Each structure stands twice: as C-alpha cells, then as structure tokens.
Amino acid sequence: MTKPPRHRLVPTNVAALAVGVTEATIRKWVSRGKITRYGAPGRSEFDIEELTTIAQRRHH
C-alpha cells in the first residue's frame, strides 16, 4: 500500500476527533489491523480519507 499524500495525514489526536473515539481506540484499531498507521516511530499519522470512511460506517 502506498503512502497517502502528506496533506491527507493527521496525527493521532486529530484522527480520534475525526471519528469520535479516544486516542486509545485509534491505537487499538491499529493493533487489530482496522486502520493503517503511517509515520516514524513515536509519530503516528493516519489517512483522513480512511478515517472518514470508518466514521461513515460507524454512523449508519
């Protein structure tokens, strides 16, 4: 999987706000393979488009 463009990557706290969950939930989803984590160790970033898709699924 190729890395998304830089402007689509957001840090963990923004990812959590975007989906309406806690940062701990974002980390759990990464460990379960539900979402893809990008960035260097200690600097997790997430694709806002992937998060938007998950948020839409959770609210239907």
N, C-alpha and C. Protein backbone atom coordinates (compact mmCIF):
# COMPACT_ATOMS: atom_id res chain seq x y z
N MET A 1 0.85 -1.19 0.00
CA MET A 1 0.00 0.00 0.00
C MET A 1 0.89 1.24 0.00
N THR A 2 0.60 2.16 -0.90
CA THR A 2 1.41 3.37 -0.97
C THR A 2 0.93 4.39 0.06
N LYS A 3 1.88 5.19 0.49
CA LYS A 3 1.57 6.22 1.49
C LYS A 3 0.71 7.31 0.86
N PRO A 4 -0.34 7.74 1.57
CA PRO A 4 -1.19 8.82 1.02
C PRO A 4 -0.42 10.13 0.94
N PRO A 5 -0.93 11.08 0.17
CA PRO A 5 -0.26 12.39 0.11
C PRO A 5 -0.19 13.04 1.49
N ARG A 6 0.86 13.79 1.71
CA ARG A 6 1.14 14.43 3.00
C ARG A 6 -0.08 15.20 3.55
N HIS A 7 -0.81 15.91 2.71
CA HIS A 7 -1.92 16.74 3.18
C HIS A 7 -3.08 15.91 3.73
N ARG A 8 -3.08 14.61 3.48
CA ARG A 8 -4.16 13.75 4.00
C ARG A 8 -3.80 13.10 5.34
N LEU A 9 -2.58 13.25 5.80
CA LEU A 9 -2.15 12.59 7.04
C LEU A 9 -2.39 13.49 8.25
N VAL A 10 -2.97 12.89 9.28
CA VAL A 10 -3.25 13.63 10.52
C VAL A 10 -2.70 12.87 11.71
N PRO A 11 -2.33 13.58 12.79
CA PRO A 11 -1.83 12.90 13.99
C PRO A 11 -2.94 12.17 14.74
N THR A 12 -2.55 11.37 15.71
CA THR A 12 -3.50 10.53 16.45
C THR A 12 -4.64 11.32 17.07
N ASN A 13 -4.35 12.46 17.70
CA ASN A 13 -5.43 13.22 18.36
C ASN A 13 -6.47 13.72 17.36
N VAL A 14 -6.03 14.14 16.18
CA VAL A 14 -6.97 14.60 15.15
C VAL A 14 -7.75 13.41 14.59
N ALA A 15 -7.07 12.28 14.42
CA ALA A 15 -7.74 11.06 13.94
C ALA A 15 -8.86 10.67 14.89
N ALA A 16 -8.59 10.72 16.19
CA ALA A 16 -9.59 10.36 17.20
C ALA A 16 -10.79 11.31 17.13
N LEU A 17 -10.53 12.60 17.01
CA LEU A 17 -11.61 13.59 16.91
C LEU A 17 -12.43 13.38 15.64
N ALA A 18 -11.76 13.06 14.55
CA ALA A 18 -12.45 12.89 13.26
C ALA A 18 -13.46 11.75 13.30
N VAL A 19 -13.12 10.69 14.04
CA VAL A 19 -14.00 9.52 14.09
C VAL A 19 -14.91 9.53 15.31
N GLY A 20 -14.58 10.37 16.30
CA GLY A 20 -15.40 10.44 17.51
C GLY A 20 -15.09 9.35 18.51
N VAL A 21 -13.80 8.97 18.58
CA VAL A 21 -13.36 7.96 19.54
C VAL A 21 -12.15 8.50 20.29
N THR A 22 -11.66 7.74 21.26
CA THR A 22 -10.48 8.16 22.01
C THR A 22 -9.21 7.78 21.25
N GLU A 23 -8.10 8.40 21.64
CA GLU A 23 -6.81 8.04 21.05
C GLU A 23 -6.49 6.58 21.32
N ALA A 24 -6.89 6.07 22.49
CA ALA A 24 -6.65 4.67 22.82
C ALA A 24 -7.36 3.75 21.83
N THR A 25 -8.57 4.14 21.41
CA THR A 25 -9.31 3.34 20.42
C THR A 25 -8.58 3.35 19.09
N ILE A 26 -8.05 4.49 18.69
CA ILE A 26 -7.27 4.55 17.44
C ILE A 26 -6.11 3.57 17.52
N ARG A 27 -5.40 3.57 18.64
CA ARG A 27 -4.25 2.65 18.80
C ARG A 27 -4.70 1.19 18.76
N LYS A 28 -5.86 0.88 19.37
CA LYS A 28 -6.40 -0.49 19.32
C LYS A 28 -6.71 -0.90 17.89
N TRP A 29 -7.33 0.02 17.14
CA TRP A 29 -7.67 -0.29 15.75
C TRP A 29 -6.42 -0.58 14.93
N VAL A 30 -5.33 0.15 15.20
CA VAL A 30 -4.06 -0.11 14.50
C VAL A 30 -3.58 -1.51 14.83
N SER A 31 -3.59 -1.88 16.11
CA SER A 31 -3.08 -3.19 16.50
C SER A 31 -3.95 -4.33 15.95
N ARG A 32 -5.22 -4.05 15.72
CA ARG A 32 -6.12 -5.06 15.15
C ARG A 32 -6.15 -5.05 13.63
N GLY A 33 -5.43 -4.11 13.03
CA GLY A 33 -5.38 -4.03 11.57
C GLY A 33 -6.58 -3.36 10.93
N LYS A 34 -7.37 -2.66 11.74
CA LYS A 34 -8.57 -2.00 11.22
C LYS A 34 -8.22 -0.73 10.43
N ILE A 35 -7.15 -0.05 10.85
CA ILE A 35 -6.69 1.14 10.12
C ILE A 35 -5.18 1.06 9.94
N THR A 36 -4.68 1.82 8.98
CA THR A 36 -3.26 1.83 8.67
C THR A 36 -2.58 3.00 9.35
N ARG A 37 -1.44 2.71 9.99
CA ARG A 37 -0.65 3.75 10.65
C ARG A 37 0.52 4.12 9.76
N TYR A 38 0.75 5.40 9.61
CA TYR A 38 1.89 5.90 8.84
C TYR A 38 2.76 6.72 9.79
N GLY A 39 3.93 7.14 9.33
CA GLY A 39 4.79 7.99 10.14
C GLY A 39 5.91 7.20 10.80
N ALA A 40 6.86 7.94 11.32
CA ALA A 40 8.00 7.34 12.00
C ALA A 40 7.58 6.88 13.40
N PRO A 41 8.37 5.98 14.01
CA PRO A 41 8.03 5.56 15.38
C PRO A 41 7.90 6.77 16.30
N GLY A 42 6.87 6.76 17.12
CA GLY A 42 6.62 7.88 18.02
C GLY A 42 5.88 9.03 17.37
N ARG A 43 5.62 8.91 16.08
CA ARG A 43 4.88 9.97 15.38
C ARG A 43 3.87 9.31 14.43
N SER A 44 2.83 8.77 15.01
CA SER A 44 1.80 8.10 14.22
C SER A 44 0.97 9.10 13.45
N GLU A 45 0.66 8.75 12.22
CA GLU A 45 -0.21 9.58 11.38
C GLU A 45 -1.18 8.66 10.67
N PHE A 46 -2.35 9.21 10.35
CA PHE A 46 -3.41 8.41 9.75
C PHE A 46 -4.01 9.15 8.57
N ASP A 47 -4.50 8.39 7.60
CA ASP A 47 -5.09 8.94 6.38
C ASP A 47 -6.51 9.41 6.70
N ILE A 48 -6.76 10.70 6.54
CA ILE A 48 -8.07 11.26 6.87
C ILE A 48 -9.18 10.64 6.02
N GLU A 49 -8.88 10.24 4.79
CA GLU A 49 -9.90 9.61 3.96
C GLU A 49 -10.29 8.23 4.51
N GLU A 50 -9.31 7.47 4.98
CA GLU A 50 -9.60 6.18 5.60
C GLU A 50 -10.45 6.38 6.85
N LEU A 51 -10.12 7.39 7.64
CA LEU A 51 -10.87 7.68 8.86
C LEU A 51 -12.31 8.11 8.54
N THR A 52 -12.47 8.90 7.50
CA THR A 52 -13.80 9.35 7.10
C THR A 52 -14.68 8.16 6.73
N THR A 53 -14.11 7.21 6.01
CA THR A 53 -14.85 6.00 5.63
C THR A 53 -15.29 5.23 6.87
N ILE A 54 -14.40 5.09 7.84
CA ILE A 54 -14.73 4.38 9.09
C ILE A 54 -15.82 5.13 9.85
N ALA A 55 -15.70 6.45 9.92
CA ALA A 55 -16.69 7.27 10.64
C ALA A 55 -18.08 7.11 10.00
N GLN A 56 -18.13 7.09 8.68
CA GLN A 56 -19.42 6.94 8.00
C GLN A 56 -20.03 5.57 8.29
N ARG A 57 -19.20 4.53 8.32
CA ARG A 57 -19.69 3.17 8.63
C ARG A 57 -20.24 3.09 10.06
N ARG A 58 -19.58 3.79 10.98
CA ARG A 58 -20.00 3.73 12.39
C ARG A 58 -21.32 4.44 12.62
N HIS A 59 -21.67 5.40 11.78
CA HIS A 59 -22.89 6.18 11.99
C HIS A 59 -24.07 5.72 11.15
N HIS A 60 -23.94 4.56 10.50
CA HIS A 60 -25.06 4.01 9.72
C HIS A 60 -25.60 2.76 10.34
